[in-house]
Amino acid sequence: MSCAVNNDGVETGPRPPSTFVSALEMMLEGYCEGRFEGHPWSVTVKRSNDGKRIWLYGKELGGKDTVSFNLYRLSKTGPLLKPCEMSSSKVIDFVLGFEREPPV
């Protein structure tokens, strides 16, 4: 994963792969349940009114694992992934591997 760079040439954080960004775009806003690596999860996705930030929080149902991050859409450097106290790879793996349960 490459890093985004600001106008001063300073790295500002990881730039996520396009497959991750596409998968995140396909996730509907709001709450849903699904599966990741065979385990049930709940996921909440929120988007800012201006479309510049996507927030995701996921919790393993009946377990202790969580996934949380913000994705910022920066006009000059592209998307910037900011995981919350976890690795970028954990966040990317989750979004790419999460399977939403069909609505009832």
Protein backbone atom coordinates (compact mmCIF):
# COMPACT_ATOMS: atom_id res chain seq x y z
CA MET A 1 0.00 0.00 0.00
CA SER A 2 1.41 3.38 -0.94
CA CYS A 3 1.19 6.50 1.23
CA ALA A 4 -0.54 9.74 0.41
CA VAL A 5 1.80 12.74 0.27
CA ASN A 6 0.87 16.36 0.99
CA ASN A 7 2.11 19.40 -0.96
CA ASP A 8 5.27 19.56 1.16
CA GLY A 9 6.21 15.99 0.22
CA VAL A 10 5.33 14.66 3.68
CA GLU A 11 3.53 11.32 3.92
CA THR A 12 0.06 11.79 5.42
CA GLY A 13 -0.98 8.15 5.74
CA PRO A 14 -1.73 4.98 3.82
CA ARG A 15 -3.49 5.14 0.47
CA PRO A 16 -5.80 2.15 0.25
CA PRO A 17 -6.01 -0.08 -2.84
CA SER A 18 -8.76 0.67 -5.34
CA THR A 19 -10.39 -2.73 -4.67
CA PHE A 20 -10.91 -1.66 -1.03
CA VAL A 21 -12.38 1.72 -2.02
CA SER A 22 -14.74 0.06 -4.52
CA ALA A 23 -15.90 -2.53 -1.96
CA LEU A 24 -16.50 0.21 0.62
CA GLU A 25 -18.50 2.24 -1.91
CA MET A 26 -20.78 -0.78 -2.41
CA MET A 27 -21.61 -0.95 1.31
CA LEU A 28 -24.92 0.70 2.12
CA GLU A 29 -25.12 3.40 4.74
CA GLY A 30 -26.56 2.35 8.09
CA TYR A 31 -26.60 -0.86 10.09
CA CYS A 32 -26.39 -4.39 8.72
CA GLU A 33 -25.31 -7.85 9.73
CA GLY A 34 -23.19 -10.31 7.82
CA ARG A 35 -20.27 -12.70 8.01
CA PHE A 36 -16.51 -12.35 7.97
CA GLU A 37 -14.24 -15.40 8.05
CA GLY A 38 -17.22 -17.55 9.02
CA HIS A 39 -18.22 -15.43 12.03
CA PRO A 40 -21.31 -13.20 12.40
CA TRP A 41 -20.67 -9.45 12.48
CA SER A 42 -22.65 -6.23 12.80
CA VAL A 43 -21.52 -3.25 10.71
CA THR A 44 -22.50 0.42 10.72
CA VAL A 45 -21.45 2.70 7.85
CA LYS A 46 -21.90 6.48 7.91
CA ARG A 47 -21.05 9.02 5.22
CA SER A 48 -20.55 12.75 5.78
CA ASN A 49 -23.01 15.09 4.08
CA ASP A 50 -20.26 16.46 1.83
CA GLY A 51 -19.14 12.93 0.82
CA LYS A 52 -15.58 13.50 1.98
CA ARG A 53 -15.60 10.99 4.86
CA ILE A 54 -16.81 7.42 5.29
CA TRP A 55 -16.83 5.90 8.77
CA LEU A 56 -17.22 2.17 9.47
CA TYR A 57 -17.55 0.34 12.77
CA GLY A 58 -17.86 -3.45 12.86
CA LYS A 59 -18.25 -5.80 15.83
CA GLU A 60 -18.03 -9.56 15.90
CA LEU A 61 -21.36 -10.78 17.27
CA GLY A 62 -20.75 -13.10 20.21
CA GLY A 63 -17.04 -12.28 20.09
CA LYS A 64 -14.59 -9.56 21.07
CA ASP A 65 -13.16 -8.43 17.75
CA THR A 66 -13.88 -5.01 16.23
CA VAL A 67 -12.98 -3.05 13.10
CA SER A 68 -13.15 0.74 12.94
CA PHE A 69 -11.82 3.35 10.54
CA ASN A 70 -12.38 6.57 8.64
CA LEU A 71 -11.72 7.00 4.93
CA TYR A 72 -11.14 10.59 3.86
CA ARG A 73 -11.49 11.68 0.23
CA LEU A 74 -8.79 14.27 -0.32
CA SER A 75 -8.92 16.21 -3.57
CA LYS A 76 -5.15 16.46 -4.08
CA THR A 77 -3.91 13.08 -2.85
CA GLY A 78 -6.88 10.74 -3.22
CA PRO A 79 -8.40 8.55 -0.50
CA LEU A 80 -6.70 8.42 2.90
CA LEU A 81 -7.37 5.50 5.23
CA LYS A 82 -7.22 6.16 8.99
CA PRO A 83 -7.78 2.94 10.99
CA CYS A 84 -8.73 3.33 14.65
CA GLU A 85 -6.07 1.56 16.75
CA MET A 86 -5.56 -1.34 14.33
CA SER A 87 -3.58 -2.09 11.19
CA SER A 88 -4.62 -0.95 7.74
CA SER A 89 -4.35 -4.55 6.54
CA LYS A 90 -6.95 -5.69 9.11
CA VAL A 91 -9.38 -3.01 7.89
CA ILE A 92 -8.77 -3.79 4.21
CA ASP A 93 -9.14 -7.55 4.74
CA PHE A 94 -12.42 -6.97 6.59
CA VAL A 95 -14.02 -4.75 3.94
CA LEU A 96 -12.93 -7.07 1.13
CA GLY A 97 -14.09 -10.21 2.96
CA PHE A 98 -17.32 -9.05 4.65
CA GLU A 99 -20.48 -10.65 3.23
CA ARG A 100 -23.69 -8.82 4.04
CA GLU A 101 -26.72 -10.89 5.00
CA PRO A 102 -29.59 -10.43 2.56
CA PRO A 103 -32.42 -8.23 3.91
CA VAL A 104 -35.28 -10.18 5.49
